[in-house]
Amino acid sequence: MTQHTPAVSATPDAPTPDKAAPDGLTADRVLAAGARLAAESARFTGFGWMRGTSGNLSEVLTRDPLRLTVTASGLDKGELSPSDVAVVDSGGAPVPVEGVAPLRPSAEAGLHARVAAVAGAGAVVHVHALNAVIAGHRWPGGVHLRDIETLKGIGREAHDDEVIIPVIPNSQDMTELGDRFEEVFDPRTPAFIVASHGLYAWGTDLVHARHVTECVEWLLAYAVATA
């Protein structure tokens, strides 16, 4: 008697892997970045650097094409959830990702993208720290720093190294702001001030960007206090 082996059928309830979009983005990747951005936003809010709904953070998801996760507009940065983000392209325009609610990105998303592209940053931080605004008002040509140990925290030398934190005029046009940033960009200095607005700083990743931001804010506080 001939025995017949039954055909094996696929299990309909078997989990399927998360399908990546052509640019490599998935909802899981975006939400993981959103969780990191929410944690850092809460930290900066605790310092008083993101009052109200001010400030924004971003993290690069892919480099080619350039895609960033940016904190969404109009939200309290101390109370963000992982989904309170938007994905943008190199011009700051929203990019849809399946499984991610389409929220409105920060108005400054285009400048974040320009910094990421020009500086090669993995993450960008923009805060409204008061010392940055005061320093930008006092020294519109740039904040000069020298012979301070904390300069090592931004990758510069503690002695005999003339460091200038650039200051650029404010604008509501992110392309114009991006052009002004490029005019003063020094690859050795990972920060600049937008006059009457706030501080931009960046790093290889979000933790590094946090460290740079904290060190630059301290340096600006020192400059203001000792002027």
N, C-alpha and C. Protein backbone atom coordinates (compact mmCIF):
# COMPACT_ATOMS: atom_id res chain seq x y z
N MET A 1 0.85 -1.19 0.00
CA MET A 1 0.00 0.00 0.00
C MET A 1 0.89 1.25 0.00
N THR A 2 0.58 2.15 -0.89
CA THR A 2 1.39 3.36 -1.01
C THR A 2 0.93 4.40 0.00
N GLN A 3 1.93 4.96 0.77
CA GLN A 3 1.60 6.01 1.73
C GLN A 3 1.82 7.37 1.09
N HIS A 4 0.92 8.26 1.32
CA HIS A 4 0.99 9.61 0.78
C HIS A 4 1.35 10.58 1.89
N THR A 5 2.38 11.39 1.67
CA THR A 5 2.77 12.42 2.64
C THR A 5 1.95 13.67 2.40
N PRO A 6 1.25 14.10 3.41
CA PRO A 6 0.40 15.29 3.22
C PRO A 6 1.25 16.51 2.92
N ALA A 7 0.71 17.40 2.07
CA ALA A 7 1.42 18.63 1.74
C ALA A 7 1.46 19.54 2.96
N VAL A 8 2.60 20.24 3.12
CA VAL A 8 2.74 21.18 4.24
C VAL A 8 2.25 22.54 3.80
N SER A 9 1.30 23.08 4.49
CA SER A 9 0.76 24.39 4.14
C SER A 9 1.33 25.45 5.07
N ALA A 10 1.42 26.66 4.56
CA ALA A 10 1.95 27.77 5.36
C ALA A 10 0.97 28.10 6.47
N THR A 11 1.49 28.40 7.63
CA THR A 11 0.64 28.79 8.75
C THR A 11 0.17 30.22 8.57
N PRO A 12 -1.11 30.44 8.47
CA PRO A 12 -1.60 31.78 8.16
C PRO A 12 -1.27 32.81 9.24
N ASP A 13 -1.10 32.34 10.49
CA ASP A 13 -0.86 33.27 11.58
C ASP A 13 0.62 33.50 11.85
N ALA A 14 1.51 32.94 11.02
CA ALA A 14 2.94 33.11 11.26
C ALA A 14 3.32 34.57 11.09
N PRO A 15 4.20 35.11 11.98
CA PRO A 15 4.58 36.52 11.87
C PRO A 15 5.40 36.78 10.62
N THR A 16 5.20 37.92 10.04
CA THR A 16 5.97 38.30 8.85
C THR A 16 6.94 39.40 9.23
N PRO A 17 8.13 39.41 8.65
CA PRO A 17 9.10 40.43 9.00
C PRO A 17 8.63 41.81 8.58
N ASP A 18 9.12 42.83 9.31
CA ASP A 18 8.79 44.22 8.99
C ASP A 18 9.38 44.57 7.63
N LYS A 19 8.53 44.93 6.69
CA LYS A 19 9.01 45.22 5.34
C LYS A 19 9.55 46.63 5.25
N ALA A 20 10.76 46.75 4.77
CA ALA A 20 11.38 48.07 4.65
C ALA A 20 10.94 48.76 3.38
N ALA A 21 10.79 50.06 3.44
CA ALA A 21 10.51 50.85 2.25
C ALA A 21 11.77 50.88 1.39
N PRO A 22 11.65 51.36 0.14
CA PRO A 22 12.83 51.41 -0.73
C PRO A 22 14.02 52.14 -0.13
N ASP A 23 13.77 53.15 0.73
CA ASP A 23 14.89 53.88 1.34
C ASP A 23 15.36 53.25 2.64
N GLY A 24 14.84 52.07 2.97
CA GLY A 24 15.28 51.36 4.17
C GLY A 24 14.55 51.73 5.43
N LEU A 25 13.54 52.58 5.36
CA LEU A 25 12.84 53.01 6.56
C LEU A 25 11.71 52.06 6.93
N THR A 26 11.57 51.85 8.23
CA THR A 26 10.46 51.07 8.76
C THR A 26 9.87 51.83 9.94
N ALA A 27 8.64 51.50 10.28
CA ALA A 27 8.01 52.13 11.44
C ALA A 27 8.80 51.85 12.71
N ASP A 28 9.33 50.62 12.83
CA ASP A 28 10.11 50.28 14.02
C ASP A 28 11.33 51.18 14.18
N ARG A 29 12.02 51.44 13.08
CA ARG A 29 13.21 52.30 13.15
C ARG A 29 12.84 53.73 13.52
N VAL A 30 11.76 54.22 12.94
CA VAL A 30 11.33 55.59 13.23
C VAL A 30 10.92 55.73 14.69
N LEU A 31 10.15 54.77 15.20
CA LEU A 31 9.67 54.86 16.58
C LEU A 31 10.80 54.66 17.58
N ALA A 32 11.80 53.86 17.23
CA ALA A 32 12.96 53.71 18.11
C ALA A 32 13.72 55.03 18.21
N ALA A 33 13.87 55.70 17.06
CA ALA A 33 14.49 57.03 17.07
C ALA A 33 13.63 58.01 17.86
N GLY A 34 12.30 57.90 17.70
CA GLY A 34 11.39 58.77 18.43
C GLY A 34 11.52 58.62 19.93
N ALA A 35 11.75 57.39 20.39
CA ALA A 35 11.93 57.17 21.83
C ALA A 35 13.19 57.85 22.33
N ARG A 36 14.26 57.79 21.53
CA ARG A 36 15.51 58.45 21.93
C ARG A 36 15.34 59.97 21.94
N LEU A 37 14.66 60.50 20.93
CA LEU A 37 14.43 61.94 20.87
C LEU A 37 13.55 62.41 22.03
N ALA A 38 12.56 61.61 22.40
CA ALA A 38 11.68 61.98 23.52
C ALA A 38 12.47 62.03 24.82
N ALA A 39 13.37 61.08 25.03
CA ALA A 39 14.16 61.06 26.26
C ALA A 39 15.08 62.27 26.35
N GLU A 40 15.73 62.61 25.23
CA GLU A 40 16.64 63.76 25.24
C GLU A 40 15.86 65.06 25.37
N SER A 41 14.70 65.15 24.74
CA SER A 41 13.87 66.34 24.86
C SER A 41 13.45 66.57 26.31
N ALA A 42 13.09 65.50 27.00
CA ALA A 42 12.71 65.62 28.41
C ALA A 42 13.89 66.11 29.24
N ARG A 43 15.09 65.64 28.92
CA ARG A 43 16.28 66.08 29.64
C ARG A 43 16.49 67.59 29.45
N PHE A 44 16.44 68.05 28.20
CA PHE A 44 16.67 69.47 27.93
C PHE A 44 15.56 70.34 28.50
N THR A 45 14.34 69.84 28.48
CA THR A 45 13.23 70.58 29.09
C THR A 45 13.47 70.76 30.58
N GLY A 46 14.01 69.73 31.21
CA GLY A 46 14.33 69.81 32.63
C GLY A 46 15.37 70.88 32.94
N PHE A 47 16.24 71.16 31.97
CA PHE A 47 17.23 72.23 32.14
C PHE A 47 16.63 73.62 31.90
N GLY A 48 15.39 73.67 31.41
CA GLY A 48 14.78 74.95 31.08
C GLY A 48 15.18 75.46 29.71
N TRP A 49 15.67 74.59 28.85
CA TRP A 49 16.17 75.00 27.53
C TRP A 49 15.14 74.81 26.42
N MET A 50 13.98 74.18 26.74
CA MET A 50 12.94 73.96 25.74
C MET A 50 11.60 74.34 26.36
N ARG A 51 11.48 75.59 26.74
CA ARG A 51 10.27 76.06 27.43
C ARG A 51 9.08 76.11 26.47
N GLY A 52 7.89 75.94 27.03
CA GLY A 52 6.70 75.90 26.20
C GLY A 52 6.78 74.74 25.23
N THR A 53 6.69 75.04 23.96
CA THR A 53 6.84 74.00 22.93
C THR A 53 8.09 74.27 22.09
N SER A 54 9.01 75.10 22.60
CA SER A 54 10.16 75.54 21.81
C SER A 54 11.21 74.44 21.65
N GLY A 55 12.07 74.64 20.65
CA GLY A 55 13.18 73.73 20.42
C GLY A 55 12.78 72.50 19.63
N ASN A 56 13.76 71.82 19.11
CA ASN A 56 13.52 70.59 18.35
C ASN A 56 14.81 69.79 18.23
N LEU A 57 14.65 68.49 18.11
CA LEU A 57 15.78 67.57 18.00
C LEU A 57 15.57 66.69 16.78
N SER A 58 16.67 66.19 16.23
CA SER A 58 16.57 65.29 15.08
C SER A 58 17.66 64.24 15.13
N GLU A 59 17.40 63.14 14.46
CA GLU A 59 18.38 62.06 14.33
C GLU A 59 18.35 61.56 12.89
N VAL A 60 19.49 61.36 12.30
CA VAL A 60 19.58 60.86 10.93
C VAL A 60 19.22 59.38 10.90
N LEU A 61 18.30 59.04 10.00
CA LEU A 61 17.90 57.65 9.81
C LEU A 61 18.69 57.00 8.68
N THR A 62 18.78 57.69 7.55
CA THR A 62 19.55 57.20 6.41
C THR A 62 20.32 58.37 5.82
N ARG A 63 21.47 58.06 5.25
CA ARG A 63 22.32 59.12 4.69
C ARG A 63 22.09 59.29 3.19
N ASP A 64 21.78 58.23 2.49
CA ASP A 64 21.60 58.30 1.04
C ASP A 64 20.42 57.42 0.64
N PRO A 65 19.23 58.00 0.48
CA PRO A 65 18.93 59.44 0.58
C PRO A 65 18.87 59.90 2.03
N LEU A 66 19.11 61.20 2.24
CA LEU A 66 19.09 61.74 3.60
C LEU A 66 17.66 61.77 4.12
N ARG A 67 17.47 61.11 5.25
CA ARG A 67 16.19 61.08 5.93
C ARG A 67 16.44 61.28 7.42
N LEU A 68 15.65 62.16 8.05
CA LEU A 68 15.80 62.44 9.47
C LEU A 68 14.47 62.24 10.19
N THR A 69 14.56 61.78 11.43
CA THR A 69 13.43 61.82 12.33
C THR A 69 13.54 63.10 13.13
N VAL A 70 12.47 63.92 13.13
CA VAL A 70 12.47 65.22 13.78
C VAL A 70 11.29 65.29 14.73
N THR A 71 11.48 65.92 15.88
CA THR A 71 10.36 66.09 16.80
C THR A 71 9.25 66.90 16.14
N ALA A 72 8.02 66.52 16.41
CA ALA A 72 6.87 67.15 15.77
C ALA A 72 6.64 68.55 16.32
N SER A 73 5.97 69.37 15.54
CA SER A 73 5.74 70.77 15.88
C SER A 73 4.62 70.92 16.90
N GLY A 74 4.75 71.96 17.76
CA GLY A 74 3.67 72.37 18.63
C GLY A 74 3.41 71.51 19.84
N LEU A 75 4.36 70.65 20.21
CA LEU A 75 4.16 69.75 21.34
C LEU A 75 5.10 70.12 22.48
N ASP A 76 4.65 69.87 23.70
CA ASP A 76 5.48 70.07 24.88
C ASP A 76 6.63 69.06 24.82
N LYS A 77 7.87 69.58 24.75
CA LYS A 77 9.01 68.70 24.56
C LYS A 77 9.35 67.87 25.80
N GLY A 78 8.73 68.19 26.92
CA GLY A 78 8.95 67.38 28.12
C GLY A 78 7.99 66.21 28.21
N GLU A 79 7.04 66.11 27.29
CA GLU A 79 6.00 65.08 27.37
C GLU A 79 5.84 64.31 26.07
N LEU A 80 6.89 64.21 25.29
CA LEU A 80 6.79 63.52 24.00
C LEU A 80 6.72 62.01 24.18
N SER A 81 6.02 61.36 23.26
CA SER A 81 6.03 59.91 23.16
C SER A 81 6.84 59.53 21.93
N PRO A 82 7.22 58.27 21.78
CA PRO A 82 8.01 57.86 20.61
C PRO A 82 7.36 58.18 19.27
N SER A 83 6.04 58.29 19.24
CA SER A 83 5.35 58.55 17.97
C SER A 83 5.20 60.04 17.67
N ASP A 84 5.70 60.91 18.55
CA ASP A 84 5.55 62.36 18.35
C ASP A 84 6.69 62.90 17.50
N VAL A 85 6.87 62.30 16.33
CA VAL A 85 7.95 62.67 15.42
C VAL A 85 7.44 62.67 13.99
N ALA A 86 8.24 63.24 13.12
CA ALA A 86 7.98 63.19 11.68
C ALA A 86 9.28 62.82 10.99
N VAL A 87 9.18 62.22 9.82
CA VAL A 87 10.34 61.91 9.00
C VAL A 87 10.39 62.93 7.87
N VAL A 88 11.58 63.50 7.64
CA VAL A 88 11.73 64.53 6.60
C VAL A 88 12.88 64.18 5.67
N ASP A 89 12.89 64.84 4.50
CA ASP A 89 13.95 64.63 3.54
C ASP A 89 15.01 65.72 3.66
N SER A 90 15.90 65.81 2.70
CA SER A 90 17.02 66.75 2.78
C SER A 90 16.58 68.21 2.74
N GLY A 91 15.34 68.47 2.32
CA GLY A 91 14.83 69.83 2.31
C GLY A 91 13.90 70.13 3.47
N GLY A 92 13.70 69.14 4.35
CA GLY A 92 12.79 69.32 5.48
C GLY A 92 11.35 68.99 5.19
N ALA A 93 11.08 68.46 3.99
CA ALA A 93 9.70 68.10 3.63
C ALA A 93 9.34 66.74 4.22
N PRO A 94 8.08 66.56 4.65
CA PRO A 94 7.67 65.29 5.25
C PRO A 94 7.79 64.12 4.28
N VAL A 95 8.20 62.98 4.82
CA VAL A 95 8.30 61.73 4.05
C VAL A 95 7.39 60.70 4.71
N PRO A 96 6.40 60.18 4.01
CA PRO A 96 5.50 59.20 4.63
C PRO A 96 6.22 57.87 4.88
N VAL A 97 5.95 57.29 6.05
CA VAL A 97 6.46 55.96 6.39
C VAL A 97 5.28 55.13 6.86
N GLU A 98 5.08 53.98 6.24
CA GLU A 98 3.95 53.12 6.59
C GLU A 98 4.00 52.74 8.06
N GLY A 99 2.88 52.95 8.76
CA GLY A 99 2.81 52.61 10.17
C GLY A 99 3.16 53.76 11.10
N VAL A 100 3.52 54.92 10.53
CA VAL A 100 3.86 56.09 11.35
C VAL A 100 2.85 57.20 11.04
N ALA A 101 2.18 57.70 12.08
CA ALA A 101 1.19 58.76 11.89
C ALA A 101 1.86 60.00 11.30
N PRO A 102 1.26 60.61 10.28
CA PRO A 102 1.87 61.77 9.61
C PRO A 102 1.69 63.06 10.40
N LEU A 103 2.61 63.35 11.33
CA LEU A 103 2.56 64.58 12.11
C LEU A 103 3.35 65.68 11.40
N ARG A 104 3.06 66.92 11.76
CA ARG A 104 3.74 68.05 11.14
C ARG A 104 5.12 68.22 11.77
N PRO A 105 6.19 68.21 10.96
CA PRO A 105 7.53 68.37 11.52
C PRO A 105 7.77 69.79 12.00
N SER A 106 8.77 69.94 12.83
CA SER A 106 9.16 71.27 13.28
C SER A 106 9.43 72.18 12.10
N ALA A 107 9.16 73.46 12.26
CA ALA A 107 9.41 74.43 11.20
C ALA A 107 10.88 74.50 10.84
N GLU A 108 11.76 74.14 11.79
CA GLU A 108 13.20 74.21 11.55
C GLU A 108 13.77 72.92 10.96
N ALA A 109 12.92 71.99 10.54
CA ALA A 109 13.41 70.71 10.03
C ALA A 109 14.37 70.87 8.86
N GLY A 110 14.11 71.87 8.00
CA GLY A 110 14.99 72.08 6.86
C GLY A 110 16.40 72.47 7.28
N LEU A 111 16.52 73.24 8.36
CA LEU A 111 17.84 73.62 8.86
C LEU A 111 18.54 72.43 9.49
N HIS A 112 17.80 71.60 10.19
CA HIS A 112 18.38 70.35 10.72
C HIS A 112 18.98 69.53 9.59
N ALA A 113 18.21 69.40 8.51
CA ALA A 113 18.68 68.60 7.38
C ALA A 113 19.93 69.21 6.75
N ARG A 114 19.98 70.53 6.67
CA ARG A 114 21.16 71.19 6.09
C ARG A 114 22.39 70.96 6.97
N VAL A 115 22.22 71.06 8.28
CA VAL A 115 23.34 70.82 9.19
C VAL A 115 23.82 69.38 9.07
N ALA A 116 22.88 68.45 9.02
CA ALA A 116 23.25 67.04 8.90
C ALA A 116 24.02 66.78 7.62
N ALA A 117 23.59 67.42 6.53
CA ALA A 117 24.25 67.21 5.24
C ALA A 117 25.62 67.85 5.19
N VAL A 118 25.73 69.09 5.66
CA VAL A 118 26.99 69.84 5.54
C VAL A 118 28.02 69.36 6.57
N ALA A 119 27.57 69.17 7.80
CA ALA A 119 28.50 68.80 8.87
C ALA A 119 28.68 67.29 9.01
N GLY A 120 27.85 66.51 8.32
CA GLY A 120 27.93 65.06 8.47
C GLY A 120 27.44 64.59 9.83
N ALA A 121 26.58 65.38 10.46
CA ALA A 121 26.10 65.06 11.80
C ALA A 121 25.14 63.89 11.79
N GLY A 122 25.16 63.12 12.87
CA GLY A 122 24.20 62.04 13.04
C GLY A 122 22.98 62.47 13.81
N ALA A 123 23.09 63.60 14.53
CA ALA A 123 21.97 64.13 15.29
C ALA A 123 22.20 65.63 15.50
N VAL A 124 21.09 66.37 15.55
CA VAL A 124 21.15 67.83 15.70
C VAL A 124 20.21 68.24 16.83
N VAL A 125 20.69 69.15 17.67
CA VAL A 125 19.92 69.65 18.80
C VAL A 125 19.72 71.15 18.63
N HIS A 126 18.47 71.61 18.80
CA HIS A 126 18.18 73.05 18.80
C HIS A 126 17.43 73.37 20.06
N VAL A 127 18.04 74.20 20.92
CA VAL A 127 17.41 74.59 22.18
C VAL A 127 17.40 76.11 22.30
N HIS A 128 16.49 76.60 23.13
CA HIS A 128 16.36 78.04 23.36
C HIS A 128 17.02 78.40 24.69
N ALA A 129 18.24 77.95 24.89
CA ALA A 129 18.98 78.25 26.11
C ALA A 129 19.23 79.76 26.20
N LEU A 130 18.92 80.35 27.35
CA LEU A 130 19.01 81.80 27.50
C LEU A 130 20.42 82.31 27.30
N ASN A 131 21.42 81.60 27.78
CA ASN A 131 22.80 82.07 27.64
C ASN A 131 23.21 82.21 26.17
N ALA A 132 22.69 81.33 25.31
CA ALA A 132 23.00 81.43 23.89
C ALA A 132 22.41 82.70 23.30
N VAL A 133 21.19 83.04 23.69
CA VAL A 133 20.54 84.24 23.17
C VAL A 133 21.25 85.49 23.67
N ILE A 134 21.63 85.50 24.94
CA ILE A 134 22.35 86.65 25.50
C ILE A 134 23.71 86.80 24.81
N ALA A 135 24.43 85.69 24.66
CA ALA A 135 25.75 85.74 24.02
C ALA A 135 25.65 86.20 22.58
N GLY A 136 24.63 85.73 21.87
CA GLY A 136 24.44 86.16 20.49
C GLY A 136 24.14 87.64 20.38
N HIS A 137 23.42 88.17 21.36
CA HIS A 137 23.11 89.60 21.39
C HIS A 137 24.35 90.42 21.71
N ARG A 138 25.15 89.92 22.63
CA ARG A 138 26.33 90.67 23.08
C ARG A 138 27.46 90.62 22.05
N TRP A 139 27.60 89.48 21.36
CA TRP A 139 28.69 89.32 20.40
C TRP A 139 28.14 88.86 19.05
N PRO A 140 27.49 89.74 18.30
CA PRO A 140 26.88 89.34 17.03
C PRO A 140 27.89 88.85 15.98
N GLY A 141 29.16 89.17 16.17
CA GLY A 141 30.19 88.70 15.25
C GLY A 141 30.75 87.34 15.60
N GLY A 142 30.24 86.72 16.68
CA GLY A 142 30.72 85.42 17.12
C GLY A 142 31.26 85.50 18.53
N VAL A 143 31.13 84.41 19.27
CA VAL A 143 31.58 84.34 20.67
C VAL A 143 32.97 83.71 20.70
N HIS A 144 33.96 84.48 21.16
CA HIS A 144 35.35 84.02 21.19
C HIS A 144 35.65 83.35 22.53
N LEU A 145 36.24 82.17 22.46
CA LEU A 145 36.57 81.40 23.66
C LEU A 145 38.01 80.89 23.55
N ARG A 146 38.68 80.84 24.70
CA ARG A 146 40.07 80.40 24.69
C ARG A 146 40.49 80.00 26.11
N ASP A 147 41.36 79.00 26.18
CA ASP A 147 41.97 78.59 27.44
C ASP A 147 40.94 78.24 28.52
N ILE A 148 39.98 77.40 28.14
CA ILE A 148 38.95 76.92 29.07
C ILE A 148 38.88 75.39 28.92
N GLU A 149 38.97 74.70 30.01
CA GLU A 149 39.04 73.23 29.97
C GLU A 149 37.85 72.61 29.24
N THR A 150 36.67 73.19 29.40
CA THR A 150 35.46 72.61 28.83
C THR A 150 35.48 72.63 27.30
N LEU A 151 36.38 73.38 26.69
CA LEU A 151 36.50 73.33 25.22
C LEU A 151 36.81 71.92 24.73
N LYS A 152 37.43 71.12 25.57
CA LYS A 152 37.72 69.73 25.18
C LYS A 152 36.43 68.95 24.95
N GLY A 153 35.35 69.39 25.60
CA GLY A 153 34.07 68.71 25.46
C GLY A 153 33.44 68.89 24.10
N ILE A 154 33.94 69.85 23.31
CA ILE A 154 33.42 70.02 21.95
C ILE A 154 34.49 69.68 20.91
N GLY A 155 35.53 68.98 21.37
CA GLY A 155 36.55 68.52 20.44
C GLY A 155 37.66 69.50 20.15
N ARG A 156 37.78 70.57 20.96
CA ARG A 156 38.84 71.55 20.77
C ARG A 156 39.86 71.43 21.89
N GLU A 157 40.91 72.24 21.83
CA GLU A 157 41.98 72.17 22.82
C GLU A 157 41.68 73.07 24.01
N ALA A 158 42.15 72.65 25.19
CA ALA A 158 41.91 73.43 26.40
C ALA A 158 42.77 74.69 26.47
N HIS A 159 43.88 74.70 25.74
CA HIS A 159 44.80 75.84 25.79
C HIS A 159 45.30 76.18 24.38
N ASP A 160 45.55 77.47 24.18
CA ASP A 160 46.13 77.96 22.93
C ASP A 160 45.33 77.56 21.71
N ASP A 161 44.00 77.59 21.84
CA ASP A 161 43.11 77.26 20.73
C ASP A 161 42.01 78.31 20.70
N GLU A 162 42.04 79.17 19.70
CA GLU A 162 41.03 80.23 19.58
C GLU A 162 39.77 79.65 18.94
N VAL A 163 38.70 79.61 19.70
CA VAL A 163 37.45 79.01 19.26
C VAL A 163 36.40 80.11 19.12
N ILE A 164 35.68 80.09 18.00
CA ILE A 164 34.60 81.06 17.78
C ILE A 164 33.29 80.30 17.57
N ILE A 165 32.32 80.55 18.42
CA ILE A 165 30.97 80.03 18.20
C ILE A 165 30.28 81.04 17.29
N PRO A 166 29.99 80.68 16.03
CA PRO A 166 29.41 81.66 15.10
C PRO A 166 28.01 82.11 15.51
N VAL A 167 27.68 83.32 15.12
CA VAL A 167 26.34 83.86 15.33
C VAL A 167 25.80 84.30 13.97
N ILE A 168 24.60 83.85 13.61
CA ILE A 168 24.00 84.25 12.34
C ILE A 168 22.69 84.96 12.61
N PRO A 169 22.30 85.91 11.73
CA PRO A 169 21.01 86.61 11.91
C PRO A 169 19.85 85.63 11.76
N ASN A 170 18.78 85.92 12.47
CA ASN A 170 17.60 85.07 12.43
C ASN A 170 16.81 85.28 11.13
N SER A 171 16.02 84.30 10.76
CA SER A 171 15.12 84.37 9.62
C SER A 171 14.07 83.28 9.78
N GLN A 172 12.90 83.51 9.22
CA GLN A 172 11.87 82.47 9.21
C GLN A 172 11.98 81.58 7.97
N ASP A 173 12.92 81.90 7.10
CA ASP A 173 13.16 81.14 5.88
C ASP A 173 14.32 80.17 6.16
N MET A 174 14.03 78.86 6.18
CA MET A 174 15.05 77.89 6.54
C MET A 174 16.14 77.76 5.48
N THR A 175 15.80 78.02 4.22
CA THR A 175 16.83 78.02 3.18
C THR A 175 17.82 79.15 3.41
N GLU A 176 17.29 80.32 3.75
CA GLU A 176 18.14 81.47 4.04
C GLU A 176 19.01 81.21 5.26
N LEU A 177 18.41 80.64 6.31
CA LEU A 177 19.19 80.31 7.50
C LEU A 177 20.27 79.28 7.18
N GLY A 178 19.92 78.30 6.35
CA GLY A 178 20.90 77.29 5.96
C GLY A 178 22.07 77.89 5.20
N ASP A 179 21.78 78.86 4.33
CA ASP A 179 22.86 79.53 3.60
C ASP A 179 23.76 80.31 4.56
N ARG A 180 23.15 80.97 5.54
CA ARG A 180 23.94 81.73 6.51
C ARG A 180 24.79 80.79 7.36
N PHE A 181 24.24 79.64 7.71
CA PHE A 181 25.01 78.64 8.44
C PHE A 181 26.23 78.19 7.63
N GLU A 182 26.02 77.89 6.37
CA GLU A 182 27.14 77.43 5.54
C GLU A 182 28.23 78.48 5.40
N GLU A 183 27.85 79.75 5.41
CA GLU A 183 28.84 80.83 5.28
C GLU A 183 29.79 80.88 6.47
N VAL A 184 29.33 80.48 7.65
CA VAL A 184 30.16 80.56 8.85
C VAL A 184 30.63 79.19 9.33
N PHE A 185 30.24 78.13 8.64
CA PHE A 185 30.52 76.77 9.11
C PHE A 185 32.01 76.51 9.21
N ASP A 186 32.44 76.03 10.37
CA ASP A 186 33.80 75.58 10.62
C ASP A 186 33.70 74.13 11.10
N PRO A 187 34.23 73.17 10.35
CA PRO A 187 34.07 71.77 10.74
C PRO A 187 34.65 71.44 12.11
N ARG A 188 35.48 72.32 12.65
CA ARG A 188 36.07 72.08 13.97
C ARG A 188 35.14 72.50 15.11
N THR A 189 34.08 73.26 14.79
CA THR A 189 33.21 73.81 15.83
C THR A 189 31.78 73.35 15.60
N PRO A 190 31.29 72.40 16.42
CA PRO A 190 29.99 71.78 16.17
C PRO A 190 28.81 72.53 16.77
N ALA A 191 28.76 73.84 16.56
CA ALA A 191 27.64 74.62 17.10
C ALA A 191 27.60 75.99 16.46
N PHE A 192 26.43 76.61 16.49
CA PHE A 192 26.28 78.02 16.13
C PHE A 192 25.05 78.57 16.82
N ILE A 193 25.00 79.89 16.89
CA ILE A 193 23.87 80.58 17.52
C ILE A 193 23.07 81.29 16.45
N VAL A 194 21.75 81.19 16.53
CA VAL A 194 20.86 82.02 15.71
C VAL A 194 20.44 83.19 16.59
N ALA A 195 20.79 84.40 16.18
CA ALA A 195 20.56 85.59 17.01
C ALA A 195 19.09 85.73 17.39
N SER A 196 18.87 86.10 18.64
CA SER A 196 17.52 86.32 19.18
C SER A 196 16.66 85.06 19.08
N HIS A 197 17.30 83.90 19.01
CA HIS A 197 16.54 82.67 18.83
C HIS A 197 17.06 81.55 19.72
N GLY A 198 18.24 81.02 19.42
CA GLY A 198 18.73 79.90 20.21
C GLY A 198 19.98 79.27 19.66
N LEU A 199 20.29 78.10 20.18
CA LEU A 199 21.54 77.39 19.89
C LEU A 199 21.28 76.15 19.05
N TYR A 200 22.15 75.90 18.08
CA TYR A 200 22.18 74.64 17.35
C TYR A 200 23.51 73.96 17.65
N ALA A 201 23.46 72.68 17.94
CA ALA A 201 24.67 71.89 18.18
C ALA A 201 24.44 70.49 17.63
N TRP A 202 25.52 69.78 17.35
CA TRP A 202 25.37 68.46 16.73
C TRP A 202 26.50 67.54 17.12
N GLY A 203 26.31 66.26 16.80
CA GLY A 203 27.32 65.26 17.09
C GLY A 203 27.16 64.05 16.20
N THR A 204 28.01 63.07 16.42
CA THR A 204 27.98 61.86 15.60
C THR A 204 26.72 61.05 15.85
N ASP A 205 26.17 61.15 17.06
CA ASP A 205 24.89 60.52 17.39
C ASP A 205 24.20 61.39 18.42
N LEU A 206 23.06 60.94 18.89
CA LEU A 206 22.25 61.79 19.76
C LEU A 206 22.92 62.03 21.12
N VAL A 207 23.58 61.03 21.66
CA VAL A 207 24.26 61.20 22.95
C VAL A 207 25.42 62.18 22.80
N HIS A 208 26.20 62.05 21.73
CA HIS A 208 27.29 62.97 21.48
C HIS A 208 26.76 64.39 21.30
N ALA A 209 25.66 64.54 20.57
CA ALA A 209 25.06 65.86 20.38
C ALA A 209 24.61 66.46 21.71
N ARG A 210 24.11 65.63 22.60
CA ARG A 210 23.74 66.10 23.93
C ARG A 210 24.96 66.63 24.68
N HIS A 211 26.04 65.88 24.64
CA HIS A 211 27.25 66.32 25.35
C HIS A 211 27.77 67.64 24.79
N VAL A 212 27.78 67.76 23.47
CA VAL A 212 28.24 69.01 22.85
C VAL A 212 27.34 70.17 23.28
N THR A 213 26.03 69.97 23.25
CA THR A 213 25.09 71.02 23.63
C THR A 213 25.32 71.47 25.06
N GLU A 214 25.47 70.52 25.97
CA GLU A 214 25.69 70.87 27.37
C GLU A 214 26.99 71.64 27.56
N CYS A 215 28.05 71.22 26.87
CA CYS A 215 29.33 71.90 27.00
C CYS A 215 29.29 73.30 26.40
N VAL A 216 28.67 73.44 25.22
CA VAL A 216 28.59 74.76 24.60
C VAL A 216 27.77 75.71 25.47
N GLU A 217 26.67 75.25 26.02
CA GLU A 217 25.84 76.11 26.86
C GLU A 217 26.65 76.56 28.08
N TRP A 218 27.43 75.67 28.67
CA TRP A 218 28.27 76.04 29.82
C TRP A 218 29.31 77.07 29.41
N LEU A 219 29.92 76.87 28.26
CA LEU A 219 30.93 77.82 27.76
C LEU A 219 30.32 79.20 27.53
N LEU A 220 29.11 79.24 26.99
CA LEU A 220 28.43 80.52 26.76
C LEU A 220 28.06 81.18 28.08
N ALA A 221 27.63 80.37 29.07
CA ALA A 221 27.32 80.92 30.38
C ALA A 221 28.59 81.52 30.99
N TYR A 222 29.72 80.84 30.82
CA TYR A 222 30.99 81.35 31.34
C TYR A 222 31.35 82.67 30.65
N ALA A 223 31.19 82.72 29.34
CA ALA A 223 31.52 83.95 28.60
C ALA A 223 30.67 85.11 29.06
N VAL A 224 29.37 84.87 29.23
CA VAL A 224 28.47 85.94 29.66
C VAL A 224 28.82 86.39 31.08
N ALA A 225 29.12 85.44 31.96
CA ALA A 225 29.37 85.77 33.36
C ALA A 225 30.68 86.50 33.57
N THR A 226 31.65 86.29 32.68
CA THR A 226 32.99 86.89 32.88
C THR A 226 33.26 88.06 31.96
N ALA A 227 32.26 88.46 31.16
CA ALA A 227 32.49 89.58 30.22
C ALA A 227 32.65 90.90 30.96
